[in-house]
């Protein structure tokens, strides 16, 4: 018996991947021209199911999910108000720089930019592939159940 796939099984995961890739292309082009704004968040949101799982496992607050952190700090009892915090003074402004002082070069260093983009793009593409596989598996399951129901009827 020949295995038949529904049209939704073929097109929906592919369309999802095409949308994510188009968003990533827009992010790369926008980052090169400097007019990207807040659009870099959309590819991450498009892959949110997998992104949230990965971020919760390796993110900076991954330890916080294991248990409640003990609350530390001074405790006060009785009717005494807490002590005043120590007063800090602001540092005086330094004088003008000497005449032979050269300002540091603040131009953008692009040596790490390609590696940063590769990591961002790689993580988003990996998450999109996992999501597309999950979408395909879900649609395949629905198609099999529908085929089973029609075969029994």
N, C-alpha and C. Protein backbone atom coordinates (compact mmCIF):
# COMPACT_ATOMS: atom_id res chain seq x y z
N UNK A 1 0.83 -1.18 0.00
CA UNK A 1 0.00 0.00 0.00
C UNK A 1 0.88 1.24 0.00
N UNK A 2 0.55 2.16 -0.84
CA UNK A 2 1.34 3.38 -0.96
C UNK A 2 0.96 4.36 0.16
N UNK A 3 1.95 4.95 0.77
CA UNK A 3 1.70 5.91 1.84
C UNK A 3 1.37 7.27 1.23
N UNK A 4 0.25 7.83 1.62
CA UNK A 4 -0.17 9.12 1.07
C UNK A 4 -0.12 10.16 2.16
N UNK A 5 0.38 11.30 1.81
CA UNK A 5 0.46 12.40 2.76
C UNK A 5 -0.56 13.45 2.34
N UNK A 6 -1.17 14.07 3.31
CA UNK A 6 -2.14 15.11 2.99
C UNK A 6 -1.41 16.38 2.55
N UNK A 7 -2.14 17.25 1.91
CA UNK A 7 -1.53 18.51 1.47
C UNK A 7 -1.11 19.37 2.65
N UNK A 8 -1.89 19.33 3.73
CA UNK A 8 -1.53 20.12 4.91
C UNK A 8 -0.21 19.64 5.51
N UNK A 9 0.02 18.34 5.49
CA UNK A 9 1.28 17.80 6.02
C UNK A 9 2.48 18.31 5.25
N UNK A 10 2.30 18.52 3.98
CA UNK A 10 3.42 18.99 3.16
C UNK A 10 3.60 20.49 3.21
N UNK A 11 2.51 21.25 3.19
CA UNK A 11 2.61 22.69 3.02
C UNK A 11 2.72 23.47 4.32
N UNK A 12 2.06 23.06 5.37
CA UNK A 12 2.05 23.86 6.61
C UNK A 12 3.44 23.94 7.25
N UNK A 13 4.16 22.81 7.47
CA UNK A 13 5.51 22.96 8.03
C UNK A 13 6.45 23.74 7.11
N UNK A 14 6.32 23.53 5.81
CA UNK A 14 7.15 24.27 4.86
C UNK A 14 6.87 25.76 4.87
N UNK A 15 5.61 26.11 4.94
CA UNK A 15 5.24 27.54 5.02
C UNK A 15 5.73 28.15 6.31
N UNK A 16 5.64 27.41 7.41
CA UNK A 16 6.16 27.90 8.70
C UNK A 16 7.67 28.17 8.61
N UNK A 17 8.40 27.23 8.04
CA UNK A 17 9.85 27.42 7.90
C UNK A 17 10.15 28.59 6.96
N UNK A 18 9.37 28.75 5.90
CA UNK A 18 9.60 29.86 4.98
C UNK A 18 9.37 31.20 5.66
N UNK A 19 8.35 31.29 6.51
CA UNK A 19 8.10 32.54 7.24
C UNK A 19 9.24 32.85 8.20
N UNK A 20 9.73 31.83 8.92
CA UNK A 20 10.83 32.06 9.86
C UNK A 20 12.09 32.47 9.11
N UNK A 21 12.39 31.82 7.99
CA UNK A 21 13.57 32.19 7.21
C UNK A 21 13.44 33.60 6.65
N UNK A 22 12.25 33.98 6.21
CA UNK A 22 12.05 35.34 5.70
C UNK A 22 12.26 36.37 6.81
N UNK A 23 11.81 36.05 8.01
CA UNK A 23 12.05 36.97 9.13
C UNK A 23 13.53 37.07 9.45
N UNK A 24 14.25 35.96 9.38
CA UNK A 24 15.69 35.99 9.65
C UNK A 24 16.43 36.78 8.58
N UNK A 25 16.03 36.65 7.33
CA UNK A 25 16.65 37.44 6.26
C UNK A 25 16.42 38.92 6.52
N UNK A 26 15.21 39.27 6.93
CA UNK A 26 14.92 40.67 7.24
C UNK A 26 15.77 41.17 8.40
N UNK A 27 15.98 40.33 9.41
CA UNK A 27 16.80 40.71 10.55
C UNK A 27 18.25 40.94 10.11
N UNK A 28 18.79 40.05 9.28
CA UNK A 28 20.17 40.20 8.83
C UNK A 28 20.34 41.44 7.98
N UNK A 29 19.43 41.66 7.04
CA UNK A 29 19.52 42.85 6.18
C UNK A 29 19.33 44.11 7.01
N UNK A 30 18.38 44.10 7.93
CA UNK A 30 18.15 45.27 8.77
C UNK A 30 19.29 45.56 9.71
N UNK A 31 19.97 44.51 10.20
CA UNK A 31 21.11 44.76 11.08
C UNK A 31 22.30 45.33 10.31
N UNK A 32 22.39 45.02 9.04
CA UNK A 32 23.49 45.57 8.23
C UNK A 32 23.26 47.06 7.95
N UNK A 33 22.00 47.44 7.76
CA UNK A 33 21.71 48.84 7.46
C UNK A 33 21.49 49.66 8.72
N UNK A 34 21.31 49.00 9.86
CA UNK A 34 21.16 49.72 11.11
C UNK A 34 19.74 50.14 11.42
N UNK A 35 18.77 49.71 10.65
CA UNK A 35 17.39 50.12 10.87
C UNK A 35 16.54 48.89 11.17
N UNK A 36 16.87 48.19 12.24
CA UNK A 36 16.17 46.95 12.55
C UNK A 36 15.10 47.16 13.61
N UNK A 37 15.32 48.06 14.53
CA UNK A 37 14.33 48.31 15.57
C UNK A 37 14.15 47.10 16.47
N UNK A 38 12.91 46.79 16.76
CA UNK A 38 12.57 45.70 17.67
C UNK A 38 12.20 44.44 16.92
N UNK A 39 12.48 44.38 15.62
CA UNK A 39 12.03 43.27 14.80
C UNK A 39 12.77 41.98 15.09
N UNK A 40 13.93 42.04 15.71
CA UNK A 40 14.70 40.84 16.01
C UNK A 40 14.01 39.90 16.96
N UNK A 41 12.98 40.38 17.63
CA UNK A 41 12.27 39.53 18.58
C UNK A 41 11.25 38.63 17.88
N UNK A 42 10.78 38.98 16.70
CA UNK A 42 9.76 38.19 16.03
C UNK A 42 10.21 36.79 15.65
N UNK A 43 11.42 36.58 15.14
CA UNK A 43 11.83 35.19 14.88
C UNK A 43 11.89 34.36 16.16
N UNK A 44 12.28 34.98 17.25
CA UNK A 44 12.32 34.25 18.52
C UNK A 44 10.90 33.89 18.96
N UNK A 45 9.97 34.83 18.80
CA UNK A 45 8.59 34.54 19.16
C UNK A 45 7.96 33.51 18.23
N UNK A 46 8.38 33.50 16.97
CA UNK A 46 7.84 32.51 16.03
C UNK A 46 8.28 31.11 16.41
N UNK A 47 9.40 30.98 17.09
CA UNK A 47 9.89 29.68 17.54
C UNK A 47 9.73 29.54 19.04
N UNK A 48 8.78 30.24 19.62
CA UNK A 48 8.63 30.32 21.08
C UNK A 48 8.49 28.99 21.79
N UNK A 49 7.74 28.01 21.30
CA UNK A 49 7.66 26.78 22.09
C UNK A 49 9.01 26.15 22.37
N UNK A 50 9.83 26.02 21.35
CA UNK A 50 11.15 25.43 21.56
C UNK A 50 12.09 26.42 22.22
N UNK A 51 12.00 27.71 21.86
CA UNK A 51 12.88 28.70 22.44
C UNK A 51 12.70 28.79 23.95
N UNK A 52 11.47 28.75 24.40
CA UNK A 52 11.22 28.84 25.84
C UNK A 52 11.76 27.62 26.57
N UNK A 53 11.65 26.46 25.96
CA UNK A 53 12.19 25.26 26.60
C UNK A 53 13.71 25.35 26.69
N UNK A 54 14.36 25.77 25.60
CA UNK A 54 15.82 25.88 25.62
C UNK A 54 16.29 26.97 26.56
N UNK A 55 15.61 28.12 26.56
CA UNK A 55 16.02 29.20 27.44
C UNK A 55 15.82 28.84 28.90
N UNK A 56 14.78 28.09 29.21
CA UNK A 56 14.58 27.71 30.60
C UNK A 56 15.62 26.70 31.06
N UNK A 57 16.21 25.96 30.12
CA UNK A 57 17.22 24.98 30.50
C UNK A 57 18.60 25.60 30.62
N UNK A 58 18.93 26.58 29.79
CA UNK A 58 20.29 27.10 29.79
C UNK A 58 20.37 28.59 30.08
N UNK A 59 19.25 29.22 30.34
CA UNK A 59 19.25 30.66 30.58
C UNK A 59 19.89 31.04 31.90
N UNK A 60 20.09 32.33 32.12
CA UNK A 60 20.75 32.76 33.36
C UNK A 60 19.95 32.45 34.61
N UNK A 61 18.63 32.31 34.51
CA UNK A 61 17.81 32.03 35.67
C UNK A 61 17.33 30.59 35.69
N UNK A 62 18.09 29.68 35.07
CA UNK A 62 17.68 28.28 35.03
C UNK A 62 17.66 27.68 36.43
N UNK A 63 18.52 28.15 37.31
CA UNK A 63 18.54 27.63 38.67
C UNK A 63 17.28 28.02 39.44
N UNK A 64 16.68 29.13 39.08
CA UNK A 64 15.51 29.61 39.81
C UNK A 64 14.31 28.71 39.60
N UNK A 65 14.29 27.92 38.53
CA UNK A 65 13.15 27.05 38.27
C UNK A 65 13.18 25.80 39.12
N UNK A 66 14.36 25.43 39.66
CA UNK A 66 14.47 24.20 40.43
C UNK A 66 13.79 24.30 41.79
N UNK A 67 13.87 25.40 42.44
CA UNK A 67 13.25 25.55 43.75
C UNK A 67 13.16 27.02 44.10
N UNK A 68 12.46 27.28 45.16
CA UNK A 68 12.34 28.68 45.56
C UNK A 68 13.61 29.11 46.26
N UNK A 69 14.11 30.23 45.87
CA UNK A 69 15.32 30.76 46.47
C UNK A 69 14.98 31.37 47.82
N UNK A 70 15.83 31.14 48.81
CA UNK A 70 15.53 31.73 50.11
C UNK A 70 15.67 33.24 50.07
N UNK A 71 14.75 33.90 50.73
CA UNK A 71 14.77 35.35 50.77
C UNK A 71 15.70 35.77 51.89
N UNK A 72 16.73 36.51 51.53
CA UNK A 72 17.68 36.96 52.56
C UNK A 72 17.60 38.47 52.66
N UNK A 73 17.97 38.94 53.78
CA UNK A 73 17.96 40.38 54.00
C UNK A 73 17.72 40.67 55.47
N UNK A 74 17.85 41.89 55.83
CA UNK A 74 17.66 42.20 57.25
C UNK A 74 16.20 42.04 57.64
N UNK A 75 16.00 41.51 58.81
CA UNK A 75 14.66 41.39 59.35
C UNK A 75 14.51 42.36 60.51
N UNK A 76 13.38 42.94 60.65
CA UNK A 76 13.13 43.93 61.68
C UNK A 76 11.97 43.45 62.54
N UNK A 77 12.15 43.62 63.80
CA UNK A 77 11.06 43.28 64.70
C UNK A 77 10.93 44.40 65.73
N UNK A 78 9.78 44.54 66.24
CA UNK A 78 9.56 45.59 67.23
C UNK A 78 9.12 46.87 66.58
N UNK A 79 9.16 47.93 67.37
CA UNK A 79 8.66 49.21 66.88
C UNK A 79 9.76 50.14 66.40
N UNK A 80 11.00 49.68 66.36
CA UNK A 80 12.08 50.54 65.89
C UNK A 80 12.06 50.61 64.37
N UNK A 81 12.22 51.80 63.79
CA UNK A 81 12.31 51.87 62.33
C UNK A 81 13.66 51.34 61.87
N UNK A 82 13.74 50.90 60.65
CA UNK A 82 15.03 50.40 60.15
C UNK A 82 16.05 51.53 60.11
N UNK A 83 17.34 51.18 60.23
CA UNK A 83 18.37 52.22 60.20
C UNK A 83 18.44 52.88 58.83
N UNK A 84 18.87 54.11 58.81
CA UNK A 84 19.02 54.85 57.56
C UNK A 84 20.15 54.25 56.74
N UNK A 85 20.00 54.18 55.43
CA UNK A 85 21.10 53.69 54.60
C UNK A 85 22.25 54.69 54.62
N UNK A 86 23.46 54.18 54.44
CA UNK A 86 24.61 55.11 54.46
C UNK A 86 24.54 56.10 53.31
N UNK A 87 24.95 57.30 53.57
CA UNK A 87 24.96 58.35 52.55
C UNK A 87 26.18 58.18 51.66
N UNK A 88 25.96 58.23 50.38
CA UNK A 88 27.08 58.13 49.44
C UNK A 88 27.23 59.47 48.75
N UNK A 89 28.46 59.82 48.53
CA UNK A 89 28.74 61.07 47.84
C UNK A 89 29.11 60.76 46.40
N UNK A 90 28.73 61.67 45.55
CA UNK A 90 29.06 61.50 44.15
C UNK A 90 30.52 61.87 43.94
N UNK A 91 31.12 61.14 43.01
CA UNK A 91 32.53 61.43 42.68
C UNK A 91 32.58 62.75 41.92
N UNK A 92 33.56 63.57 42.20
CA UNK A 92 33.66 64.84 41.46
C UNK A 92 34.02 64.57 40.00
N UNK A 93 33.59 65.46 39.15
CA UNK A 93 33.90 65.32 37.73
C UNK A 93 35.39 65.52 37.53
N UNK A 94 35.99 64.68 36.68
CA UNK A 94 37.42 64.88 36.44
C UNK A 94 37.63 66.16 35.62
N UNK A 95 38.82 66.66 35.69
CA UNK A 95 39.15 67.86 34.94
C UNK A 95 39.19 67.58 33.45
N UNK A 96 39.40 68.60 32.67
CA UNK A 96 39.48 68.38 31.21
C UNK A 96 40.69 67.51 30.88
N UNK A 97 40.57 66.73 29.82
CA UNK A 97 41.70 65.87 29.46
C UNK A 97 42.89 66.72 28.99
N UNK A 98 44.08 66.16 29.12
CA UNK A 98 45.25 66.90 28.63
C UNK A 98 45.18 67.13 27.13
N UNK A 99 45.95 68.07 26.66
CA UNK A 99 45.88 68.44 25.25
C UNK A 99 46.38 67.33 24.33
N UNK A 100 47.23 66.44 24.81
CA UNK A 100 47.73 65.37 23.95
C UNK A 100 46.88 64.09 24.08
N UNK A 101 45.78 64.17 24.80
CA UNK A 101 44.92 63.01 24.99
C UNK A 101 44.15 62.73 23.71
N UNK A 102 44.05 61.47 23.33
CA UNK A 102 43.33 61.06 22.13
C UNK A 102 42.11 60.25 22.57
N UNK A 103 40.96 60.62 22.04
CA UNK A 103 39.74 59.89 22.39
C UNK A 103 39.81 58.47 21.87
N UNK A 104 39.28 57.51 22.60
CA UNK A 104 39.31 56.13 22.12
C UNK A 104 38.44 55.96 20.88
N UNK A 105 38.83 55.00 20.07
CA UNK A 105 38.09 54.72 18.84
C UNK A 105 36.80 54.01 19.20
N UNK A 106 35.67 54.61 18.92
CA UNK A 106 34.37 54.01 19.26
C UNK A 106 33.66 53.47 18.03
N UNK A 107 34.39 53.28 16.95
CA UNK A 107 33.74 52.72 15.76
C UNK A 107 33.38 51.26 16.04
N UNK A 108 32.45 50.76 15.27
CA UNK A 108 31.94 49.42 15.51
C UNK A 108 32.96 48.39 15.06
N UNK A 109 33.24 47.43 15.94
CA UNK A 109 34.12 46.33 15.60
C UNK A 109 33.26 45.17 15.11
N UNK A 110 33.40 44.80 13.85
CA UNK A 110 32.54 43.78 13.26
C UNK A 110 33.17 42.40 13.30
N UNK A 111 34.27 42.21 14.01
CA UNK A 111 34.92 40.91 14.02
C UNK A 111 34.05 39.86 14.71
N UNK A 112 33.32 40.22 15.76
CA UNK A 112 32.48 39.26 16.46
C UNK A 112 31.04 39.28 15.95
N UNK A 113 30.71 40.21 15.09
CA UNK A 113 29.34 40.35 14.62
C UNK A 113 28.88 39.13 13.84
N UNK A 114 29.75 38.59 13.00
CA UNK A 114 29.36 37.43 12.20
C UNK A 114 29.11 36.22 13.09
N UNK A 115 29.92 36.03 14.11
CA UNK A 115 29.72 34.89 15.01
C UNK A 115 28.46 35.06 15.84
N UNK A 116 28.15 36.30 16.23
CA UNK A 116 26.93 36.54 16.98
C UNK A 116 25.71 36.23 16.12
N UNK A 117 25.73 36.70 14.89
CA UNK A 117 24.61 36.42 14.00
C UNK A 117 24.49 34.93 13.71
N UNK A 118 25.63 34.25 13.56
CA UNK A 118 25.57 32.81 13.30
C UNK A 118 24.93 32.09 14.48
N UNK A 119 25.25 32.48 15.70
CA UNK A 119 24.66 31.85 16.87
C UNK A 119 23.17 32.13 16.97
N UNK A 120 22.78 33.36 16.72
CA UNK A 120 21.36 33.72 16.75
C UNK A 120 20.60 33.00 15.66
N UNK A 121 21.12 33.05 14.44
CA UNK A 121 20.43 32.40 13.32
C UNK A 121 20.38 30.89 13.51
N UNK A 122 21.48 30.32 13.98
CA UNK A 122 21.51 28.87 14.19
C UNK A 122 20.51 28.42 15.24
N UNK A 123 20.44 29.17 16.34
CA UNK A 123 19.49 28.80 17.40
C UNK A 123 18.05 28.93 16.92
N UNK A 124 17.74 30.01 16.21
CA UNK A 124 16.37 30.20 15.73
C UNK A 124 16.02 29.15 14.67
N UNK A 125 16.95 28.84 13.77
CA UNK A 125 16.67 27.83 12.75
C UNK A 125 16.49 26.45 13.36
N UNK A 126 17.31 26.13 14.35
CA UNK A 126 17.16 24.83 15.03
C UNK A 126 15.79 24.73 15.69
N UNK A 127 15.40 25.79 16.39
CA UNK A 127 14.09 25.79 17.05
C UNK A 127 12.96 25.72 16.02
N UNK A 128 13.14 26.39 14.89
CA UNK A 128 12.10 26.35 13.84
C UNK A 128 12.00 24.95 13.24
N UNK A 129 13.12 24.26 13.08
CA UNK A 129 13.07 22.89 12.56
C UNK A 129 12.38 21.95 13.54
N UNK A 130 12.65 22.12 14.83
CA UNK A 130 11.99 21.29 15.84
C UNK A 130 10.49 21.57 15.83
N UNK A 131 10.11 22.84 15.75
CA UNK A 131 8.68 23.19 15.71
C UNK A 131 8.02 22.66 14.45
N UNK A 132 8.69 22.76 13.30
CA UNK A 132 8.12 22.26 12.05
C UNK A 132 7.93 20.75 12.12
N UNK A 133 8.87 20.05 12.75
CA UNK A 133 8.73 18.61 12.92
C UNK A 133 7.54 18.28 13.81
N UNK A 134 7.37 19.07 14.87
CA UNK A 134 6.22 18.86 15.76
C UNK A 134 4.90 19.15 15.03
N UNK A 135 4.88 20.18 14.21
CA UNK A 135 3.67 20.50 13.43
C UNK A 135 3.37 19.36 12.46
N UNK A 136 4.41 18.86 11.79
CA UNK A 136 4.22 17.76 10.85
C UNK A 136 3.70 16.52 11.57
N UNK A 137 4.27 16.20 12.74
CA UNK A 137 3.83 15.02 13.49
C UNK A 137 2.38 15.17 13.94
N UNK A 138 2.01 16.35 14.36
CA UNK A 138 0.63 16.59 14.77
C UNK A 138 -0.33 16.42 13.59
N UNK A 139 0.02 17.00 12.46
CA UNK A 139 -0.84 16.86 11.28
C UNK A 139 -0.88 15.41 10.80
N UNK A 140 0.23 14.69 10.90
CA UNK A 140 0.27 13.29 10.49
C UNK A 140 -0.64 12.46 11.39
N UNK A 141 -0.61 12.76 12.69
CA UNK A 141 -1.47 12.04 13.64
C UNK A 141 -2.94 12.28 13.33
N UNK A 142 -3.29 13.54 13.05
CA UNK A 142 -4.68 13.86 12.71
C UNK A 142 -5.09 13.15 11.42
N UNK A 143 -4.21 13.12 10.43
CA UNK A 143 -4.54 12.45 9.17
C UNK A 143 -4.72 10.96 9.36
N UNK A 144 -3.91 10.33 10.20
CA UNK A 144 -4.05 8.89 10.46
C UNK A 144 -5.36 8.60 11.18
N UNK A 145 -5.69 9.43 12.15
CA UNK A 145 -6.95 9.21 12.88
C UNK A 145 -8.15 9.36 11.94
N UNK A 146 -8.06 10.35 11.05
CA UNK A 146 -9.15 10.57 10.11
C UNK A 146 -9.25 9.37 9.14
N UNK A 147 -8.11 8.84 8.71
CA UNK A 147 -8.12 7.70 7.80
C UNK A 147 -8.65 6.46 8.51
N UNK A 148 -8.33 6.30 9.77
CA UNK A 148 -8.82 5.16 10.53
C UNK A 148 -10.33 5.22 10.71
N UNK A 149 -10.84 6.42 11.00
CA UNK A 149 -12.28 6.59 11.16
C UNK A 149 -13.03 6.29 9.87
N UNK A 150 -12.50 6.73 8.75
CA UNK A 150 -13.19 6.47 7.47
C UNK A 150 -13.08 5.01 7.08
N UNK A 151 -12.01 4.32 7.47
CA UNK A 151 -11.85 2.91 7.14
C UNK A 151 -12.81 2.06 7.97
N UNK A 152 -13.07 2.47 9.20
CA UNK A 152 -13.98 1.72 10.06
C UNK A 152 -15.43 1.94 9.70
N UNK A 153 -15.72 3.07 9.11
CA UNK A 153 -17.12 3.38 8.80
C UNK A 153 -17.63 2.70 7.56
